[in-house]
Protein backbone atom coordinates (compact mmCIF):
# COMPACT_ATOMS: atom_id res chain seq x y z
CA UNK A 1 -70.37 -6.56 -14.52
CA UNK A 2 -67.89 -9.30 -15.02
CA UNK A 3 -65.82 -7.33 -17.52
CA UNK A 4 -65.91 -4.27 -15.19
CA UNK A 5 -64.46 -6.25 -12.29
CA UNK A 6 -61.42 -7.48 -14.21
CA UNK A 7 -59.70 -4.08 -14.58
CA UNK A 8 -60.07 -3.38 -10.89
CA UNK A 9 -58.52 -6.74 -9.96
CA UNK A 10 -55.71 -6.06 -12.42
CA UNK A 11 -54.95 -2.65 -10.88
CA UNK A 12 -54.94 -4.10 -7.37
CA UNK A 13 -52.64 -6.90 -8.50
CA UNK A 14 -50.21 -4.48 -10.12
CA UNK A 15 -50.20 -2.22 -7.07
CA UNK A 16 -49.40 -5.14 -4.79
CA UNK A 17 -46.63 -6.25 -7.07
CA UNK A 18 -45.11 -2.76 -7.04
CA UNK A 19 -45.04 -2.38 -3.28
CA UNK A 20 -41.68 -3.05 -1.51
CA UNK A 21 -41.55 -6.51 -0.04
CA UNK A 22 -40.44 -7.10 3.54
CA UNK A 23 -36.78 -8.06 4.08
CA UNK A 24 -35.34 -10.47 6.61
CA UNK A 25 -31.93 -10.36 8.20
CA UNK A 26 -29.73 -13.43 8.01
CA UNK A 27 -30.67 -15.75 10.84
CA UNK A 28 -27.96 -17.34 12.93
CA UNK A 29 -29.06 -20.59 14.50
CA UNK A 30 -27.04 -21.44 17.63
CA UNK A 31 -25.18 -24.71 17.70
CA UNK A 32 -26.88 -27.40 19.73
CA UNK A 33 -23.76 -27.74 21.92
CA UNK A 34 -23.89 -24.00 22.76
CA UNK A 35 -27.57 -24.31 23.72
CA UNK A 36 -26.83 -27.20 26.06
CA UNK A 37 -23.77 -25.46 27.51
CA UNK A 38 -25.84 -22.31 28.13
CA UNK A 39 -28.51 -24.26 30.01
CA UNK A 40 -26.02 -26.07 32.21
CA UNK A 41 -24.08 -22.82 32.80
CA UNK A 42 -27.20 -21.00 33.95
CA UNK A 43 -28.18 -23.82 36.30
CA UNK A 44 -24.70 -23.77 37.85
CA UNK A 45 -24.57 -19.99 38.26
CA UNK A 46 -28.11 -19.82 39.64
CA UNK A 47 -27.18 -22.33 42.34
CA UNK A 48 -29.50 -25.06 41.13
CA UNK A 49 -26.44 -27.23 40.49
CA UNK A 50 -24.30 -27.09 43.62
CA UNK A 51 -20.56 -27.39 44.06
CA UNK A 52 -19.32 -30.96 43.49
CA UNK A 53 -22.64 -32.22 42.08
CA UNK A 54 -22.21 -34.93 39.45
CA UNK A 55 -24.00 -34.46 36.14
CA UNK A 56 -25.72 -37.51 34.64
CA UNK A 57 -23.37 -39.85 32.76
CA UNK A 58 -22.76 -38.98 29.14
CA UNK A 59 -25.03 -41.79 27.90
CA UNK A 60 -27.92 -40.47 29.99
CA UNK A 61 -27.31 -36.89 28.82
CA UNK A 62 -27.59 -38.12 25.22
CA UNK A 63 -30.88 -39.88 26.01
CA UNK A 64 -32.33 -36.99 28.04
CA UNK A 65 -31.45 -34.20 25.60
CA UNK A 66 -31.93 -36.07 22.33
CA UNK A 67 -28.55 -34.74 21.17
CA UNK A 68 -25.69 -36.72 19.70
CA UNK A 69 -22.81 -37.96 21.83
CA UNK A 70 -20.42 -35.61 19.98
CA UNK A 71 -22.67 -32.60 20.73
CA UNK A 72 -22.90 -33.47 24.42
CA UNK A 73 -19.13 -33.91 24.65
CA UNK A 74 -18.54 -30.54 22.96
CA UNK A 75 -20.86 -28.79 25.45
CA UNK A 76 -19.06 -30.40 28.38
CA UNK A 77 -15.67 -29.37 26.97
CA UNK A 78 -16.84 -25.74 26.73
CA UNK A 79 -17.88 -25.74 30.38
CA UNK A 80 -14.66 -27.44 31.41
CA UNK A 81 -12.63 -24.68 29.72
CA UNK A 82 -14.74 -22.12 31.58
CA UNK A 83 -13.88 -23.98 34.80
CA UNK A 84 -17.55 -24.57 35.55
CA UNK A 85 -17.11 -28.32 35.28
CA UNK A 86 -14.36 -30.66 36.37
CA UNK A 87 -14.05 -33.74 34.17
CA UNK A 88 -12.66 -36.73 36.08
CA UNK A 89 -11.59 -39.82 34.13
CA UNK A 90 -11.90 -43.47 35.07
CA UNK A 91 -14.22 -45.43 37.33
CA UNK A 92 -16.23 -43.03 39.48
CA UNK A 93 -15.38 -40.20 37.12
CA UNK A 94 -17.62 -37.94 35.08
CA UNK A 95 -18.54 -34.25 34.97
CA UNK A 96 -18.70 -32.47 38.33
CA UNK A 97 -19.90 -28.95 39.04
CA UNK A 98 -17.22 -26.40 39.95
CA UNK A 99 -18.66 -23.00 40.80
CA UNK A 100 -16.35 -20.02 40.09
CA UNK A 101 -14.58 -18.48 43.07
CA UNK A 102 -11.90 -15.91 43.83
CA UNK A 103 -9.24 -17.99 42.02
CA UNK A 104 -11.27 -17.80 38.81
CA UNK A 105 -11.56 -14.04 39.18
CA UNK A 106 -7.85 -13.62 39.92
CA UNK A 107 -6.86 -15.75 36.91
CA UNK A 108 -9.16 -13.78 34.62
CA UNK A 109 -7.82 -10.42 35.84
CA UNK A 110 -4.23 -11.62 35.38
CA UNK A 111 -5.01 -12.70 31.82
CA UNK A 112 -6.55 -9.29 31.04
CA UNK A 113 -3.52 -7.50 32.53
CA UNK A 114 -1.12 -9.52 30.41
CA UNK A 115 -3.25 -9.70 27.28
CA UNK A 116 -3.91 -5.95 27.22
CA UNK A 117 -0.35 -5.17 28.38
CA UNK A 118 -1.66 -2.93 31.14
CA UNK A 119 0.92 -0.33 32.15
CA UNK A 120 2.61 -0.60 35.54
CA UNK A 121 1.35 2.91 36.30
CA UNK A 122 -2.24 1.74 35.75
CA UNK A 123 -1.69 -1.25 38.05
CA UNK A 124 -0.46 1.05 40.81
CA UNK A 125 -3.39 3.44 40.29
CA UNK A 126 -5.82 0.52 40.65
CA UNK A 127 -4.05 -0.70 43.75
CA UNK A 128 -4.12 2.80 45.28
CA UNK A 129 -7.87 2.91 44.62
CA UNK A 130 -8.82 -0.41 46.21
CA UNK A 131 -6.20 -1.50 48.77
CA UNK A 132 -6.93 1.26 51.33
CA UNK A 133 -10.56 0.14 51.18
CA UNK A 134 -9.39 -3.43 51.83
CA UNK A 135 -7.53 -2.24 54.94
CA UNK A 136 -10.58 -0.35 56.22
CA UNK A 137 -12.79 -3.41 55.75
CA UNK A 138 -10.19 -5.59 57.44
CA UNK A 139 -10.22 -3.32 60.48
CA UNK A 140 -14.00 -3.68 60.75
CA UNK A 141 -14.31 -7.39 60.00
CA UNK A 142 -11.06 -9.06 61.04
CA UNK A 143 -11.07 -12.15 63.22
CA UNK A 144 -8.44 -13.46 65.59
CA UNK A 145 -7.44 -15.95 62.88
CA UNK A 146 -6.90 -13.05 60.46
CA UNK A 147 -4.59 -11.35 62.96
CA UNK A 148 -2.58 -14.56 63.33
CA UNK A 149 -2.15 -14.73 59.55
CA UNK A 150 -1.08 -11.08 59.36
CA UNK A 151 1.39 -11.51 62.21
CA UNK A 152 2.84 -14.67 60.67
CA UNK A 153 3.30 -12.99 57.29
CA UNK A 154 4.94 -9.98 58.93
CA UNK A 155 7.28 -12.18 60.99
CA UNK A 156 8.29 -14.03 57.83
CA UNK A 157 8.95 -10.74 56.05
CA UNK A 158 11.20 -9.48 58.86
CA UNK A 159 13.04 -12.80 59.10
CA UNK A 160 13.76 -12.80 55.34
CA UNK A 161 16.72 -10.47 55.80
CA UNK A 162 18.60 -10.17 52.51
CA UNK A 163 16.70 -13.03 50.88
CA UNK A 164 14.74 -10.90 48.41
CA UNK A 165 12.51 -13.67 47.07
CA UNK A 166 11.56 -14.81 50.57
CA UNK A 167 10.82 -11.18 51.47
CA UNK A 168 8.60 -10.76 48.40
CA UNK A 169 6.64 -13.94 49.05
CA UNK A 170 5.94 -12.77 52.60
CA UNK A 171 5.04 -9.30 51.30
CA UNK A 172 2.44 -10.68 48.86
CA UNK A 173 1.13 -13.00 51.58
CA UNK A 174 0.62 -10.05 53.95
CA UNK A 175 -1.17 -7.86 51.41
CA UNK A 176 -3.47 -10.71 50.36
CA UNK A 177 -4.14 -11.50 54.04
CA UNK A 178 -5.35 -7.91 54.53
CA UNK A 179 -7.78 -8.37 51.62
CA UNK A 180 -9.00 -11.72 52.98
CA UNK A 181 -9.65 -10.17 56.38
CA UNK A 182 -12.03 -7.74 54.67
CA UNK A 183 -14.21 -10.67 53.50
CA UNK A 184 -15.06 -9.12 50.12
CA UNK A 185 -14.63 -11.80 47.46
CA UNK A 186 -14.25 -9.34 44.58
CA UNK A 187 -11.55 -7.33 46.36
CA UNK A 188 -9.75 -10.52 47.37
CA UNK A 189 -9.65 -11.67 43.74
CA UNK A 190 -8.51 -8.30 42.43
CA UNK A 191 -5.78 -7.97 45.06
CA UNK A 192 -4.45 -11.45 44.34
CA UNK A 193 -4.08 -10.57 40.65
CA UNK A 194 -2.71 -7.07 41.25
CA UNK A 195 -0.09 -8.03 43.82
CA UNK A 196 1.37 -10.74 41.59
CA UNK A 197 1.24 -8.59 38.46
CA UNK A 198 2.94 -5.62 40.16
CA UNK A 199 5.58 -7.96 41.52
CA UNK A 200 6.20 -9.35 38.03
CA UNK A 201 6.42 -5.88 36.48
CA UNK A 202 8.88 -4.33 38.95
CA UNK A 203 12.68 -4.45 38.74
CA UNK A 204 12.94 -6.10 42.15
CA UNK A 205 16.71 -6.46 42.46
CA UNK A 206 17.23 -2.71 42.08
CA UNK A 207 14.13 -1.71 43.95
CA UNK A 208 14.06 -3.80 47.12
CA UNK A 209 17.17 -2.47 48.85
CA UNK A 210 17.64 -2.61 52.63
CA UNK A 211 16.03 0.79 53.22
CA UNK A 212 12.92 -0.07 51.21
CA UNK A 213 12.57 -3.39 53.05
CA UNK A 214 12.85 -1.64 56.41
CA UNK A 215 10.25 0.97 55.45
CA UNK A 216 7.93 -1.78 54.17
CA UNK A 217 8.18 -3.76 57.40
CA UNK A 218 7.49 -0.64 59.46
CA UNK A 219 4.43 0.26 57.33
CA UNK A 220 3.05 -3.27 57.61
CA UNK A 221 3.44 -3.22 61.40
CA UNK A 222 1.55 0.09 61.70
CA UNK A 223 -1.26 -1.00 59.38
CA UNK A 224 -1.60 -4.29 61.25
CA UNK A 225 -1.80 -2.34 64.50
CA UNK A 226 -4.71 -0.28 63.15
CA UNK A 227 -6.47 -3.43 61.95
CA UNK A 228 -5.94 -5.04 65.37
CA UNK A 229 -7.42 -1.93 67.06
CA UNK A 230 -10.37 -1.97 64.61
CA UNK A 231 -9.46 1.57 63.59
CA UNK A 232 -10.67 1.61 60.00
CA UNK A 233 -9.75 5.28 59.38
CA UNK A 234 -6.16 4.78 60.51
CA UNK A 235 -5.89 1.53 58.55
CA UNK A 236 -7.08 3.26 55.37
CA UNK A 237 -4.84 6.30 55.89
CA UNK A 238 -1.72 4.24 56.60
CA UNK A 239 -2.36 1.86 53.71
CA UNK A 240 -2.84 4.82 51.35
CA UNK A 241 0.50 6.27 52.41
CA UNK A 242 2.17 2.88 52.06
CA UNK A 243 0.94 1.97 48.57
CA UNK A 244 1.41 5.50 47.22
CA UNK A 245 4.98 5.57 48.50
CA UNK A 246 5.66 2.18 46.92
CA UNK A 247 4.23 3.39 43.59
CA UNK A 248 6.44 6.50 43.58
CA UNK A 249 9.57 4.48 44.32
CA UNK A 250 8.71 1.88 41.68
CA UNK A 251 8.05 4.63 39.13
CA UNK A 252 11.59 5.91 39.61
CA UNK A 253 12.95 2.47 38.72
CA UNK A 254 10.57 2.27 35.75
CA UNK A 255 11.68 5.65 34.39
CA UNK A 256 15.35 4.75 34.74
CA UNK A 257 15.38 1.34 33.13
CA UNK A 258 11.93 0.49 31.73
CA UNK A 259 10.14 -2.73 32.61
CA UNK A 260 7.87 -5.12 30.76
CA UNK A 261 5.07 -7.28 32.15
CA UNK A 262 5.99 -10.94 32.41
CA UNK A 263 4.13 -14.06 33.47
CA UNK A 264 3.79 -13.87 37.28
CA UNK A 265 3.87 -17.68 37.41
CA UNK A 266 7.42 -17.83 35.94
């Protein structure tokens, strides 16, 4: 019996040895600083950590998390770069929660536009797609304060005369005021980025002649009138005509001379 069992054990052992063994993929263990940053990020975005809330001092974070001071500092730096924390130095300083808003969105969109070298034609197509919707929302949701801002921007645009830069500042102000009146944070952020990027990518000196400025002022007045009357259909229709006309005129300049995207802040 004993000798009969040995062959069977030998066969089983050989069979097991011949079978393919399981394989494991390379495991990537996240850095401790990334784990901490992810937890704090989630608690900010979920609303658990509110705007302006102070995080525990660095020493307490080290004690509470069991991580090293260097690891805690690295996590805080990551969140500061993401603009989710504001680090204030000195007495009374520390890490304070800063929840992302429309400025964060606008800055991100501007970076994408510049980094990907988005064509001026694409910028205009995007504007044509969303700005009429902004005007329609503004007509439905505008307040008296919104109308004051629109009127002030329009008055500044008309008063600019031959001062092209003053005219352009008032023009951007008016378009962004329309978006703000619509009370849609995503559209407000997109319009802020688009208006500045289109401005930066257009040969303004050749484009903004007296006739174009007059047509622009007239279009703004008519769109504002529709917003004042809460006529969303007219506001959308007039804004569509306005931005499409601007795109066609700008395209003529682009085809003649060629333009390149530049930093809208310069």
